[in-house]
Amino acid sequence: MKAHVVTKTLPSDLGPLTDAQLAEIAELLRLLGEPSRLRVLLACLAEPAPVGEIAARVELPRGLVSHHLRMLRAGRFLRATRHGKQMIYASVDDRVRCILVDLVAHVVKPPTDDQEEGT
């Protein structure tokens, strides 16, 4: 599934953001600012999986991965669904995927001067 959203302006129906909303956005960005946590989130976007499989994918200790998963769930980036004795972690919705796809594209393939000007 391809997900790509380019938004140049905020939708007008959002209205001005409150200080509380700005603080929440800053906190969500802070959660994404830790490289190993970001690796865990990207692994969950690639394919939903239990903690042990995620730990193997990102080559991090299971306890650290569990900690990151708890934080990402609290930030509403991930959801966990019980399958038998295991919890399977996946992205909450396509908005999370779009945010990360755009961030990765921003780093991997920076816009050219023509793209920045919108031509």
PDB file of N, CA and C in Angstrom:
ATOM      1  N   MET A   1       0.845  -1.168   0.000  1.00  0.00           N
ATOM      2  CA  MET A   1       0.000   0.000   0.000  1.00  0.00           C
ATOM      3  C   MET A   1       0.894   1.236   0.000  1.00  0.00           C
ATOM      4  N   LYS A   2       0.657   2.122  -0.958  1.00  0.00           N
ATOM      5  CA  LYS A   2       1.401   3.373  -0.994  1.00  0.00           C
ATOM      6  C   LYS A   2       0.621   4.422  -0.229  1.00  0.00           C
ATOM      7  N   ALA A   3       1.321   5.133   0.604  1.00  0.00           N
ATOM      8  CA  ALA A   3       0.692   6.224   1.343  1.00  0.00           C
ATOM      9  C   ALA A   3       1.595   7.430   1.216  1.00  0.00           C
ATOM     10  N   HIS A   4       1.081   8.479   0.629  1.00  0.00           N
ATOM     11  CA  HIS A   4       1.878   9.689   0.518  1.00  0.00           C
ATOM     12  C   HIS A   4       0.936  10.879   0.537  1.00  0.00           C
ATOM     13  N   VAL A   5       1.165  11.766   1.450  1.00  0.00           N
ATOM     14  CA  VAL A   5       0.339  12.951   1.590  1.00  0.00           C
ATOM     15  C   VAL A   5       1.250  14.157   1.575  1.00  0.00           C
ATOM     16  N   VAL A   6       0.914  15.118   0.746  1.00  0.00           N
ATOM     17  CA  VAL A   6       1.662  16.370   0.743  1.00  0.00           C
ATOM     18  C   VAL A   6       0.676  17.467   1.088  1.00  0.00           C
ATOM     19  N   THR A   7       0.893  18.113   2.202  1.00  0.00           N
ATOM     20  CA  THR A   7       0.021  19.190   2.649  1.00  0.00           C
ATOM     21  C   THR A   7       0.868  20.433   2.815  1.00  0.00           C
ATOM     22  N   LYS A   8       0.566  21.457   2.041  1.00  0.00           N
ATOM     23  CA  LYS A   8       1.349  22.692   2.119  1.00  0.00           C
ATOM     24  C   LYS A   8       0.826  23.622   3.203  1.00  0.00           C
ATOM     25  N   THR A   9      -0.455  23.547   3.493  1.00  0.00           N
ATOM     26  CA  THR A   9      -1.032  24.413   4.516  1.00  0.00           C
ATOM     27  C   THR A   9      -1.914  23.576   5.435  1.00  0.00           C
ATOM     28  N   LEU A  10      -2.133  24.085   6.621  1.00  0.00           N
ATOM     29  CA  LEU A  10      -3.049  23.415   7.539  1.00  0.00           C
ATOM     30  C   LEU A  10      -4.478  23.632   7.067  1.00  0.00           C
ATOM     31  N   PRO A  11      -5.331  22.624   7.189  1.00  0.00           N
ATOM     32  CA  PRO A  11      -6.736  22.816   6.824  1.00  0.00           C
ATOM     33  C   PRO A  11      -7.344  23.958   7.634  1.00  0.00           C
ATOM     34  N   SER A  12      -8.129  24.794   6.980  1.00  0.00           N
ATOM     35  CA  SER A  12      -8.695  25.969   7.646  1.00  0.00           C
ATOM     36  C   SER A  12      -9.676  25.598   8.746  1.00  0.00           C
ATOM     37  N   ASP A  13     -10.289  24.420   8.657  1.00  0.00           N
ATOM     38  CA  ASP A  13     -11.263  24.037   9.676  1.00  0.00           C
ATOM     39  C   ASP A  13     -10.613  23.615  10.994  1.00  0.00           C
ATOM     40  N   LEU A  14      -9.278  23.521  11.041  1.00  0.00           N
ATOM     41  CA  LEU A  14      -8.614  23.198  12.301  1.00  0.00           C
ATOM     42  C   LEU A  14      -8.664  24.361  13.281  1.00  0.00           C
ATOM     43  N   GLY A  15      -8.677  25.561  12.755  1.00  0.00           N
ATOM     44  CA  GLY A  15      -8.633  26.728  13.632  1.00  0.00           C
ATOM     45  C   GLY A  15      -7.259  26.857  14.257  1.00  0.00           C
ATOM     46  N   PRO A  16      -7.070  27.867  15.083  1.00  0.00           N
ATOM     47  CA  PRO A  16      -5.762  28.029  15.731  1.00  0.00           C
ATOM     48  C   PRO A  16      -5.543  26.930  16.771  1.00  0.00           C
ATOM     49  N   LEU A  17      -4.307  26.482  16.871  1.00  0.00           N
ATOM     50  CA  LEU A  17      -3.977  25.453  17.855  1.00  0.00           C
ATOM     51  C   LEU A  17      -3.821  26.078  19.231  1.00  0.00           C
ATOM     52  N   THR A  18      -4.308  25.369  20.232  1.00  0.00           N
ATOM     53  CA  THR A  18      -4.163  25.843  21.611  1.00  0.00           C
ATOM     54  C   THR A  18      -2.756  25.520  22.109  1.00  0.00           C
ATOM     55  N   ASP A  19      -2.380  26.127  23.211  1.00  0.00           N
ATOM     56  CA  ASP A  19      -1.079  25.817  23.813  1.00  0.00           C
ATOM     57  C   ASP A  19      -0.997  24.338  24.183  1.00  0.00           C
ATOM     58  N   ALA A  20      -2.095  23.776  24.663  1.00  0.00           N
ATOM     59  CA  ALA A  20      -2.114  22.357  25.034  1.00  0.00           C
ATOM     60  C   ALA A  20      -1.904  21.469  23.804  1.00  0.00           C
ATOM     61  N   GLN A  21      -2.530  21.824  22.689  1.00  0.00           N
ATOM     62  CA  GLN A  21      -2.352  21.047  21.464  1.00  0.00           C
ATOM     63  C   GLN A  21      -0.916  21.154  20.951  1.00  0.00           C
ATOM     64  N   LEU A  22      -0.349  22.352  21.003  1.00  0.00           N
ATOM     65  CA  LEU A  22       1.047  22.529  20.585  1.00  0.00           C
ATOM     66  C   LEU A  22       1.986  21.719  21.471  1.00  0.00           C
ATOM     67  N   ALA A  23       1.712  21.692  22.767  1.00  0.00           N
ATOM     68  CA  ALA A  23       2.535  20.907  23.694  1.00  0.00           C
ATOM     69  C   ALA A  23       2.414  19.414  23.382  1.00  0.00           C
ATOM     70  N   GLU A  24       1.215  18.961  23.036  1.00  0.00           N
ATOM     71  CA  GLU A  24       1.023  17.548  22.701  1.00  0.00           C
ATOM     72  C   GLU A  24       1.773  17.189  21.421  1.00  0.00           C
ATOM     73  N   ILE A  25       1.717  18.061  20.418  1.00  0.00           N
ATOM     74  CA  ILE A  25       2.460  17.827  19.173  1.00  0.00           C
ATOM     75  C   ILE A  25       3.954  17.762  19.462  1.00  0.00           C
ATOM     76  N   ALA A  26       4.445  18.676  20.289  1.00  0.00           N
ATOM     77  CA  ALA A  26       5.868  18.677  20.651  1.00  0.00           C
ATOM     78  C   ALA A  26       6.246  17.375  21.355  1.00  0.00           C
ATOM     79  N   GLU A  27       5.378  16.875  22.217  1.00  0.00           N
ATOM     80  CA  GLU A  27       5.645  15.618  22.924  1.00  0.00           C
ATOM     81  C   GLU A  27       5.677  14.441  21.949  1.00  0.00           C
ATOM     82  N   LEU A  28       4.770  14.428  20.983  1.00  0.00           N
ATOM     83  CA  LEU A  28       4.766  13.358  19.983  1.00  0.00           C
ATOM     84  C   LEU A  28       6.047  13.386  19.154  1.00  0.00           C
ATOM     85  N   LEU A  29       6.486  14.576  18.782  1.00  0.00           N
ATOM     86  CA  LEU A  29       7.740  14.693  18.030  1.00  0.00           C
ATOM     87  C   LEU A  29       8.928  14.265  18.885  1.00  0.00           C
ATOM     88  N   ARG A  30       8.874  14.550  20.182  1.00  0.00           N
ATOM     89  CA  ARG A  30       9.941  14.116  21.090  1.00  0.00           C
ATOM     90  C   ARG A  30      10.013  12.586  21.136  1.00  0.00           C
ATOM     91  N   LEU A  31       8.846  11.939  21.144  1.00  0.00           N
ATOM     92  CA  LEU A  31       8.821  10.474  21.134  1.00  0.00           C
ATOM     93  C   LEU A  31       9.525   9.914  19.901  1.00  0.00           C
ATOM     94  N   LEU A  32       9.369  10.592  18.775  1.00  0.00           N
ATOM     95  CA  LEU A  32       9.992  10.131  17.537  1.00  0.00           C
ATOM     96  C   LEU A  32      11.470  10.491  17.465  1.00  0.00           C
ATOM     97  N   GLY A  33      11.935  11.309  18.399  1.00  0.00           N
ATOM     98  CA  GLY A  33      13.303  11.805  18.364  1.00  0.00           C
ATOM     99  C   GLY A  33      14.350  10.844  18.890  1.00  0.00           C
ATOM    100  N   GLU A  34      13.972   9.700  19.394  1.00  0.00           N
ATOM    101  CA  GLU A  34      14.926   8.719  19.912  1.00  0.00           C
ATOM    102  C   GLU A  34      15.142   7.664  18.826  1.00  0.00           C
ATOM    103  N   PRO A  35      16.358   7.537  18.287  1.00  0.00           N
ATOM    104  CA  PRO A  35      16.586   6.662  17.130  1.00  0.00           C
ATOM    105  C   PRO A  35      16.139   5.210  17.304  1.00  0.00           C
ATOM    106  N   SER A  36      16.407   4.595  18.437  1.00  0.00           N
ATOM    107  CA  SER A  36      15.996   3.192  18.572  1.00  0.00           C
ATOM    108  C   SER A  36      14.473   3.073  18.659  1.00  0.00           C
ATOM    109  N   ARG A  37      13.805   4.048  19.251  1.00  0.00           N
ATOM    110  CA  ARG A  37      12.336   4.031  19.305  1.00  0.00           C
ATOM    111  C   ARG A  37      11.766   4.191  17.898  1.00  0.00           C
ATOM    112  N   LEU A  38      12.392   5.045  17.114  1.00  0.00           N
ATOM    113  CA  LEU A  38      11.953   5.244  15.738  1.00  0.00           C
ATOM    114  C   LEU A  38      12.147   3.959  14.928  1.00  0.00           C
ATOM    115  N   ARG A  39      13.240   3.244  15.161  1.00  0.00           N
ATOM    116  CA  ARG A  39      13.458   1.955  14.488  1.00  0.00           C
ATOM    117  C   ARG A  39      12.358   0.967  14.848  1.00  0.00           C
ATOM    118  N   VAL A  40      11.952   0.949  16.104  1.00  0.00           N
ATOM    119  CA  VAL A  40      10.876   0.056  16.549  1.00  0.00           C
ATOM    120  C   VAL A  40       9.578   0.414  15.835  1.00  0.00           C
ATOM    121  N   LEU A  41       9.264   1.689  15.766  1.00  0.00           N
ATOM    122  CA  LEU A  41       8.035   2.124  15.100  1.00  0.00           C
ATOM    123  C   LEU A  41       8.063   1.754  13.619  1.00  0.00           C
ATOM    124  N   LEU A  42       9.172   2.006  12.951  1.00  0.00           N
ATOM    125  CA  LEU A  42       9.283   1.659  11.531  1.00  0.00           C
ATOM    126  C   LEU A  42       9.143   0.151  11.318  1.00  0.00           C
ATOM    127  N   ALA A  43       9.673  -0.646  12.233  1.00  0.00           N
ATOM    128  CA  ALA A  43       9.537  -2.104  12.130  1.00  0.00           C
ATOM    129  C   ALA A  43       8.077  -2.522  12.236  1.00  0.00           C
ATOM    130  N   CYS A  44       7.317  -1.848  13.075  1.00  0.00           N
ATOM    131  CA  CYS A  44       5.888  -2.163  13.227  1.00  0.00           C
ATOM    132  C   CYS A  44       5.099  -1.751  11.994  1.00  0.00           C
ATOM    133  N   LEU A  45       5.548  -0.704  11.321  1.00  0.00           N
ATOM    134  CA  LEU A  45       4.864  -0.275  10.103  1.00  0.00           C
ATOM    135  C   LEU A  45       5.120  -1.253   8.968  1.00  0.00           C
ATOM    136  N   ALA A  46       6.322  -1.831   8.948  1.00  0.00           N
ATOM    137  CA  ALA A  46       6.663  -2.778   7.888  1.00  0.00           C
ATOM    138  C   ALA A  46       5.730  -3.981   7.926  1.00  0.00           C
ATOM    139  N   GLU A  47       5.489  -4.491   9.121  1.00  0.00           N
ATOM    140  CA  GLU A  47       4.588  -5.629   9.296  1.00  0.00           C
ATOM    141  C   GLU A  47       4.265  -5.772  10.777  1.00  0.00           C
ATOM    142  N   PRO A  48       2.977  -5.846  11.132  1.00  0.00           N
ATOM    143  CA  PRO A  48       2.620  -6.046  12.538  1.00  0.00           C
ATOM    144  C   PRO A  48       3.296  -7.302  13.082  1.00  0.00           C
ATOM    145  N   ALA A  49       3.723  -7.237  14.344  1.00  0.00           N
ATOM    146  CA  ALA A  49       4.475  -8.356  14.908  1.00  0.00           C
ATOM    147  C   ALA A  49       4.453  -8.313  16.427  1.00  0.00           C
ATOM    148  N   PRO A  50       4.768  -9.453  17.065  1.00  0.00           N
ATOM    149  CA  PRO A  50       4.920  -9.486  18.523  1.00  0.00           C
ATOM    150  C   PRO A  50       6.279  -8.910  18.925  1.00  0.00           C
ATOM    151  N   VAL A  51       6.436  -8.620  20.201  1.00  0.00           N
ATOM    152  CA  VAL A  51       7.635  -7.945  20.701  1.00  0.00           C
ATOM    153  C   VAL A  51       8.920  -8.699  20.364  1.00  0.00           C
ATOM    154  N   GLY A  52       8.921 -10.015  20.485  1.00  0.00           N
ATOM    155  CA  GLY A  52      10.134 -10.783  20.203  1.00  0.00           C
ATOM    156  C   GLY A  52      10.593 -10.651  18.764  1.00  0.00           C
ATOM    157  N   GLU A  53       9.643 -10.669  17.849  1.00  0.00           N
ATOM    158  CA  GLU A  53       9.975 -10.525  16.427  1.00  0.00           C
ATOM    159  C   GLU A  53      10.473  -9.109  16.129  1.00  0.00           C
ATOM    160  N   ILE A  54       9.836  -8.125  16.745  1.00  0.00           N
ATOM    161  CA  ILE A  54      10.279  -6.739  16.556  1.00  0.00           C
ATOM    162  C   ILE A  54      11.705  -6.583  17.081  1.00  0.00           C
ATOM    163  N   ALA A  55      11.975  -7.139  18.258  1.00  0.00           N
ATOM    164  CA  ALA A  55      13.319  -7.059  18.843  1.00  0.00           C
ATOM    165  C   ALA A  55      14.352  -7.679  17.909  1.00  0.00           C
ATOM    166  N   ALA A  56      14.010  -8.801  17.286  1.00  0.00           N
ATOM    167  CA  ALA A  56      14.937  -9.445  16.350  1.00  0.00           C
ATOM    168  C   ALA A  56      15.151  -8.574  15.113  1.00  0.00           C
ATOM    169  N   ARG A  57      14.080  -7.968  14.604  1.00  0.00           N
ATOM    170  CA  ARG A  57      14.191  -7.113  13.410  1.00  0.00           C
ATOM    171  C   ARG A  57      15.122  -5.934  13.646  1.00  0.00           C
ATOM    172  N   VAL A  58      14.983  -5.304  14.801  1.00  0.00           N
ATOM    173  CA  VAL A  58      15.755  -4.076  15.066  1.00  0.00           C
ATOM    174  C   VAL A  58      17.038  -4.343  15.841  1.00  0.00           C
ATOM    175  N   GLU A  59      17.257  -5.605  16.200  1.00  0.00           N
ATOM    176  CA  GLU A  59      18.471  -6.020  16.909  1.00  0.00           C
ATOM    177  C   GLU A  59      18.688  -5.230  18.195  1.00  0.00           C
ATOM    178  N   LEU A  60      17.616  -5.178  18.992  1.00  0.00           N
ATOM    179  CA  LEU A  60      17.658  -4.525  20.300  1.00  0.00           C
ATOM    180  C   LEU A  60      17.159  -5.515  21.348  1.00  0.00           C
ATOM    181  N   PRO A  61      17.574  -5.339  22.610  1.00  0.00           N
ATOM    182  CA  PRO A  61      17.078  -6.225  23.672  1.00  0.00           C
ATOM    183  C   PRO A  61      15.553  -6.148  23.798  1.00  0.00           C
ATOM    184  N   ARG A  62      14.959  -7.285  24.064  1.00  0.00           N
ATOM    185  CA  ARG A  62      13.497  -7.378  24.179  1.00  0.00           C
ATOM    186  C   ARG A  62      12.932  -6.393  25.210  1.00  0.00           C
ATOM    187  N   GLY A  63      13.604  -6.239  26.348  1.00  0.00           N
ATOM    188  CA  GLY A  63      13.123  -5.316  27.382  1.00  0.00           C
ATOM    189  C   GLY A  63      13.094  -3.876  26.895  1.00  0.00           C
ATOM    190  N   LEU A  64      14.117  -3.468  26.152  1.00  0.00           N
ATOM    191  CA  LEU A  64      14.155  -2.111  25.607  1.00  0.00           C
ATOM    192  C   LEU A  64      13.058  -1.921  24.571  1.00  0.00           C
ATOM    193  N   VAL A  65      12.853  -2.926  23.734  1.00  0.00           N
ATOM    194  CA  VAL A  65      11.786  -2.853  22.730  1.00  0.00           C
ATOM    195  C   VAL A  65      10.429  -2.752  23.418  1.00  0.00           C
ATOM    196  N   SER A  66      10.209  -3.519  24.476  1.00  0.00           N
ATOM    197  CA  SER A  66       8.946  -3.442  25.224  1.00  0.00           C
ATOM    198  C   SER A  66       8.731  -2.044  25.779  1.00  0.00           C
ATOM    199  N   HIS A  67       9.789  -1.444  26.295  1.00  0.00           N
ATOM    200  CA  HIS A  67       9.711  -0.073  26.816  1.00  0.00           C
ATOM    201  C   HIS A  67       9.302   0.894  25.701  1.00  0.00           C
ATOM    202  N   HIS A  68       9.958   0.796  24.549  1.00  0.00           N
ATOM    203  CA  HIS A  68       9.625   1.676  23.426  1.00  0.00           C
ATOM    204  C   HIS A  68       8.189   1.441  22.950  1.00  0.00           C
ATOM    205  N   LEU A  69       7.762   0.192  22.911  1.00  0.00           N
ATOM    206  CA  LEU A  69       6.390  -0.108  22.487  1.00  0.00           C
ATOM    207  C   LEU A  69       5.375   0.521  23.435  1.00  0.00           C
ATOM    208  N   ARG A  70       5.640   0.469  24.732  1.00  0.00           N
ATOM    209  CA  ARG A  70       4.731   1.107  25.705  1.00  0.00           C
ATOM    210  C   ARG A  70       4.637   2.606  25.438  1.00  0.00           C
ATOM    211  N   MET A  71       5.776   3.232  25.200  1.00  0.00           N
ATOM    212  CA  MET A  71       5.783   4.677  24.955  1.00  0.00           C
ATOM    213  C   MET A  71       5.065   5.021  23.645  1.00  0.00           C
ATOM    214  N   LEU A  72       5.269   4.221  22.621  1.00  0.00           N
ATOM    215  CA  LEU A  72       4.625   4.470  21.329  1.00  0.00           C
ATOM    216  C   LEU A  72       3.119   4.223  21.400  1.00  0.00           C
ATOM    217  N   ARG A  73       2.698   3.278  22.229  1.00  0.00           N
ATOM    218  CA  ARG A  73       1.256   3.087  22.446  1.00  0.00           C
ATOM    219  C   ARG A  73       0.675   4.276  23.201  1.00  0.00           C
ATOM    220  N   ALA A  74       1.380   4.746  24.214  1.00  0.00           N
ATOM    221  CA  ALA A  74       0.902   5.900  24.988  1.00  0.00           C
ATOM    222  C   ALA A  74       0.793   7.138  24.103  1.00  0.00           C
ATOM    223  N   GLY A  75       1.676   7.248  23.115  1.00  0.00           N
ATOM    224  CA  GLY A  75       1.630   8.374  22.180  1.00  0.00           C
ATOM    225  C   GLY A  75       0.634   8.178  21.048  1.00  0.00           C
ATOM    226  N   ARG A  76      -0.070   7.051  21.072  1.00  0.00           N
ATOM    227  CA  ARG A  76      -1.089   6.714  20.071  1.00  0.00           C
ATOM    228  C   ARG A  76      -0.506   6.523  18.669  1.00  0.00           C
ATOM    229  N   PHE A  77       0.756   6.082  18.598  1.00  0.00           N
ATOM    230  CA  PHE A  77       1.355   5.726  17.315  1.00  0.00           C
ATOM    231  C   PHE A  77       1.068   4.265  16.979  1.00  0.00           C
ATOM    232  N   LEU A  78       0.986   3.417  18.023  1.00  0.00           N
ATOM    233  CA  LEU A  78       0.783   1.984  17.837  1.00  0.00           C
ATOM    234  C   LEU A  78      -0.424   1.498  18.617  1.00  0.00           C
ATOM    235  N   ARG A  79      -0.968   0.386  18.158  1.00  0.00           N
ATOM    236  CA  ARG A  79      -2.001  -0.320  18.907  1.00  0.00           C
ATOM    237  C   ARG A  79      -1.525  -1.753  19.092  1.00  0.00           C
ATOM    238  N   ALA A  80      -2.025  -2.396  20.113  1.00  0.00           N
ATOM    239  CA  ALA A  80      -1.674  -3.792  20.375  1.00  0.00           C
ATOM    240  C   ALA A  80      -2.950  -4.620  20.363  1.00  0.00           C
ATOM    241  N   THR A  81      -2.894  -5.748  19.684  1.00  0.00           N
ATOM    242  CA  THR A  81      -4.024  -6.662  19.595  1.00  0.00           C
ATOM    243  C   THR A  81      -3.568  -8.029  20.087  1.00  0.00           C
ATOM    244  N   ARG A  82      -4.358  -8.609  20.984  1.00  0.00           N
ATOM    245  CA  ARG A  82      -3.989  -9.913  21.538  1.00  0.00           C
ATOM    246  C   ARG A  82      -4.343 -11.017  20.538  1.00  0.00           C
ATOM    247  N   HIS A  83      -3.354 -11.869  20.261  1.00  0.00           N
ATOM    248  CA  HIS A  83      -3.544 -13.078  19.455  1.00  0.00           C
ATOM    249  C   HIS A  83      -3.030 -14.236  20.287  1.00  0.00           C
ATOM    250  N   GLY A  84      -3.947 -14.946  20.927  1.00  0.00           N
ATOM    251  CA  GLY A  84      -3.545 -16.010  21.841  1.00  0.00           C
ATOM    252  C   GLY A  84      -2.815 -15.411  23.028  1.00  0.00           C
ATOM    253  N   LYS A  85      -1.581 -15.852  23.253  1.00  0.00           N
ATOM    254  CA  LYS A  85      -0.793 -15.340  24.370  1.00  0.00           C
ATOM    255  C   LYS A  85       0.061 -14.135  23.984  1.00  0.00           C
ATOM    256  N   GLN A  86       0.084 -13.794  22.713  1.00  0.00           N
ATOM    257  CA  GLN A  86       0.949 -12.707  22.252  1.00  0.00           C
ATOM    258  C   GLN A  86       0.176 -11.439  21.948  1.00  0.00           C
ATOM    259  N   MET A  87       0.870 -10.314  22.138  1.00  0.00           N
ATOM    260  CA  MET A  87       0.349  -9.022  21.713  1.00  0.00           C
ATOM    261  C   MET A  87       1.024  -8.692  20.384  1.00  0.00           C
ATOM    262  N   ILE A  88       0.225  -8.330  19.394  1.00  0.00           N
ATOM    263  CA  ILE A  88       0.742  -7.963  18.077  1.00  0.00           C
ATOM    264  C   ILE A  88       0.653  -6.446  17.961  1.00  0.00           C
ATOM    265  N   TYR A  89       1.765  -5.826  17.605  1.00  0.00           N
ATOM    266  CA  TYR A  89       1.852  -4.370  17.529  1.00  0.00           C
ATOM    267  C   TYR A  89       1.784  -3.918  16.076  1.00  0.00           C
ATOM    268  N   ALA A  90       0.970  -2.878  15.832  1.00  0.00           N
ATOM    269  CA  ALA A  90       0.786  -2.332  14.484  1.00  0.00           C
ATOM    270  C   ALA A  90       0.497  -0.842  14.603  1.00  0.00           C
ATOM    271  N   SER A  91       0.628  -0.131  13.474  1.00  0.00           N
ATOM    272  CA  SER A  91       0.335   1.301  13.504  1.00  0.00           C
ATOM    273  C   SER A  91      -1.153   1.515  13.748  1.00  0.00           C
ATOM    274  N   VAL A  92      -1.461   2.622  14.384  1.00  0.00           N
ATOM    275  CA  VAL A  92      -2.849   2.933  14.727  1.00  0.00           C
ATOM    276  C   VAL A  92      -3.673   3.163  13.465  1.00  0.00           C
ATOM    277  N   ASP A  93      -3.135   3.935  12.526  1.00  0.00           N
ATOM    278  CA  ASP A  93      -3.856   4.227  11.291  1.00  0.00           C
ATOM    279  C   ASP A  93      -2.879   4.733  10.231  1.00  0.00           C
ATOM    280  N   ASP A  94      -3.405   5.042   9.061  1.00  0.00           N
ATOM    281  CA  ASP A  94      -2.552   5.479   7.953  1.00  0.00           C
ATOM    282  C   ASP A  94      -1.924   6.848   8.183  1.00  0.00           C
ATOM    283  N   ARG A  95      -2.470   7.640   9.090  1.00  0.00           N
ATOM    284  CA  ARG A  95      -1.848   8.946   9.361  1.00  0.00           C
ATOM    285  C   ARG A  95      -0.447   8.765   9.913  1.00  0.00           C
ATOM    286  N   VAL A  96      -0.263   7.781  10.774  1.00  0.00           N
ATOM    287  CA  VAL A  96       1.068   7.493  11.328  1.00  0.00           C
ATOM    288  C   VAL A  96       2.006   7.099  10.193  1.00  0.00           C
ATOM    289  N   ARG A  97       1.538   6.215   9.329  1.00  0.00           N
ATOM    290  CA  ARG A  97       2.342   5.781   8.186  1.00  0.00           C
ATOM    291  C   ARG A  97       2.706   6.978   7.302  1.00  0.00           C
ATOM    292  N   CYS A  98       1.754   7.850   7.027  1.00  0.00           N
ATOM    293  CA  CYS A  98       2.014   9.018   6.172  1.00  0.00           C
ATOM    294  C   CYS A  98       3.059   9.948   6.787  1.00  0.00           C
ATOM    295  N   ILE A  99       2.954  10.175   8.087  1.00  0.00           N
ATOM    296  CA  ILE A  99       3.926  11.036   8.773  1.00  0.00           C
ATOM    297  C   ILE A  99       5.331  10.473   8.581  1.00  0.00           C
ATOM    298  N   LEU A 100       5.490   9.179   8.824  1.00  0.00           N
ATOM    299  CA  LEU A 100       6.817   8.567   8.748  1.00  0.00           C
ATOM    300  C   LEU A 100       7.318   8.443   7.318  1.00  0.00           C
ATOM    301  N   VAL A 101       6.431   8.120   6.382  1.00  0.00           N
ATOM    302  CA  VAL A 101       6.838   8.043   4.976  1.00  0.00           C
ATOM    303  C   VAL A 101       7.352   9.404   4.522  1.00  0.00           C
ATOM    304  N   ASP A 102       6.650  10.468   4.884  1.00  0.00           N
ATOM    305  CA  ASP A 102       7.088  11.811   4.497  1.00  0.00           C
ATOM    306  C   ASP A 102       8.402  12.189   5.169  1.00  0.00           C
ATOM    307  N   LEU A 103       8.576  11.836   6.436  1.00  0.00           N
ATOM    308  CA  LEU A 103       9.837  12.136   7.128  1.00  0.00           C
ATOM    309  C   LEU A 103      11.008  11.378   6.509  1.00  0.00           C
ATOM    310  N   VAL A 104      10.800  10.100   6.230  1.00  0.00           N
ATOM    311  CA  VAL A 104      11.860   9.305   5.612  1.00  0.00           C
ATOM    312  C   VAL A 104      12.201   9.871   4.236  1.00  0.00           C
ATOM    313  N   ALA A 105      11.188  10.195   3.442  1.00  0.00           N
ATOM    314  CA  ALA A 105      11.428  10.766   2.114  1.00  0.00           C
ATOM    315  C   ALA A 105      12.166  12.096   2.218  1.00  0.00           C
ATOM    316  N   HIS A 106      11.854  12.864   3.230  1.00  0.00           N
ATOM    317  CA  HIS A 106      12.505  14.161   3.436  1.00  0.00           C
ATOM    318  C   HIS A 106      14.006  13.981   3.652  1.00  0.00           C
ATOM    319  N   VAL A 107      14.389  12.913   4.328  1.00  0.00           N
ATOM    320  CA  VAL A 107      15.804  12.649   4.616  1.00  0.00           C
ATOM    321  C   VAL A 107      16.482  11.920   3.456  1.00  0.00           C
ATOM    322  N   VAL A 108      15.815  10.899   2.935  1.00  0.00           N
ATOM    323  CA  VAL A 108      16.416  10.057   1.904  1.00  0.00           C
ATOM    324  C   VAL A 108      16.504  10.778   0.567  1.00  0.00           C
ATOM    325  N   LYS A 109      15.472  11.520   0.222  1.00  0.00           N
ATOM    326  CA  LYS A 109      15.442  12.222  -1.057  1.00  0.00           C
ATOM    327  C   LYS A 109      14.994  13.658  -0.813  1.00  0.00           C
ATOM    328  N   PRO A 110      15.941  14.516  -0.418  1.00  0.00           N
ATOM    329  CA  PRO A 110      15.577  15.915  -0.168  1.00  0.00           C
ATOM    330  C   PRO A 110      15.011  16.557  -1.432  1.00  0.00           C
ATOM    331  N   PRO A 111      14.081  17.501  -1.273  1.00  0.00           N
ATOM    332  CA  PRO A 111      13.504  18.161  -2.442  1.00  0.00           C
ATOM    333  C   PRO A 111      14.561  18.979  -3.175  1.00  0.00           C
ATOM    334  N   THR A 112      14.398  19.048  -4.486  1.00  0.00           N
ATOM    335  CA  THR A 112      15.269  19.917  -5.272  1.00  0.00           C
ATOM    336  C   THR A 112      14.773  21.343  -5.128  1.00  0.00           C
ATOM    337  N   ASP A 113      15.558  22.299  -5.587  1.00  0.00           N
ATOM    338  CA  ASP A 113      15.138  23.702  -5.518  1.00  0.00           C
ATOM    339  C   ASP A 113      13.825  23.918  -6.258  1.00  0.00           C
ATOM    340  N   ASP A 114      13.640  23.233  -7.407  1.00  0.00           N
ATOM    341  CA  ASP A 114      12.398  23.373  -8.169  1.00  0.00           C
ATOM    342  C   ASP A 114      11.201  22.869  -7.374  1.00  0.00           C
ATOM    343  N   GLN A 115      11.365  21.751  -6.659  1.00  0.00           N
ATOM    344  CA  GLN A 115      10.270  21.205  -5.863  1.00  0.00           C
ATOM    345  C   GLN A 115       9.931  22.115  -4.700  1.00  0.00           C
ATOM    346  N   GLU A 116      10.938  22.744  -4.107  1.00  0.00           N
ATOM    347  CA  GLU A 116      10.689  23.639  -2.982  1.00  0.00           C
ATOM    348  C   GLU A 116       9.877  24.849  -3.410  1.00  0.00           C
ATOM    349  N   GLU A 117      10.077  25.290  -4.657  1.00  0.00           N
ATOM    350  CA  GLU A 117       9.349  26.455  -5.153  1.00  0.00           C
ATOM    351  C   GLU A 117       7.978  26.078  -5.678  1.00  0.00           C
ATOM    352  N   GLY A 118       7.700  24.767  -5.763  1.00  0.00           N
ATOM    353  CA  GLY A 118       6.388  24.325  -6.215  1.00  0.00           C
ATOM    354  C   GLY A 118       6.248  24.302  -7.717  1.00  0.00           C
ATOM    355  N   THR A 119       7.364  24.283  -8.454  1.00  0.00           N
ATOM    356  CA  THR A 119       7.284  24.245  -9.917  1.00  0.00           C
ATOM    357  C   THR A 119       7.520  22.865 -10.450  1.00  0.00           C
TER     358      THR A 119
END
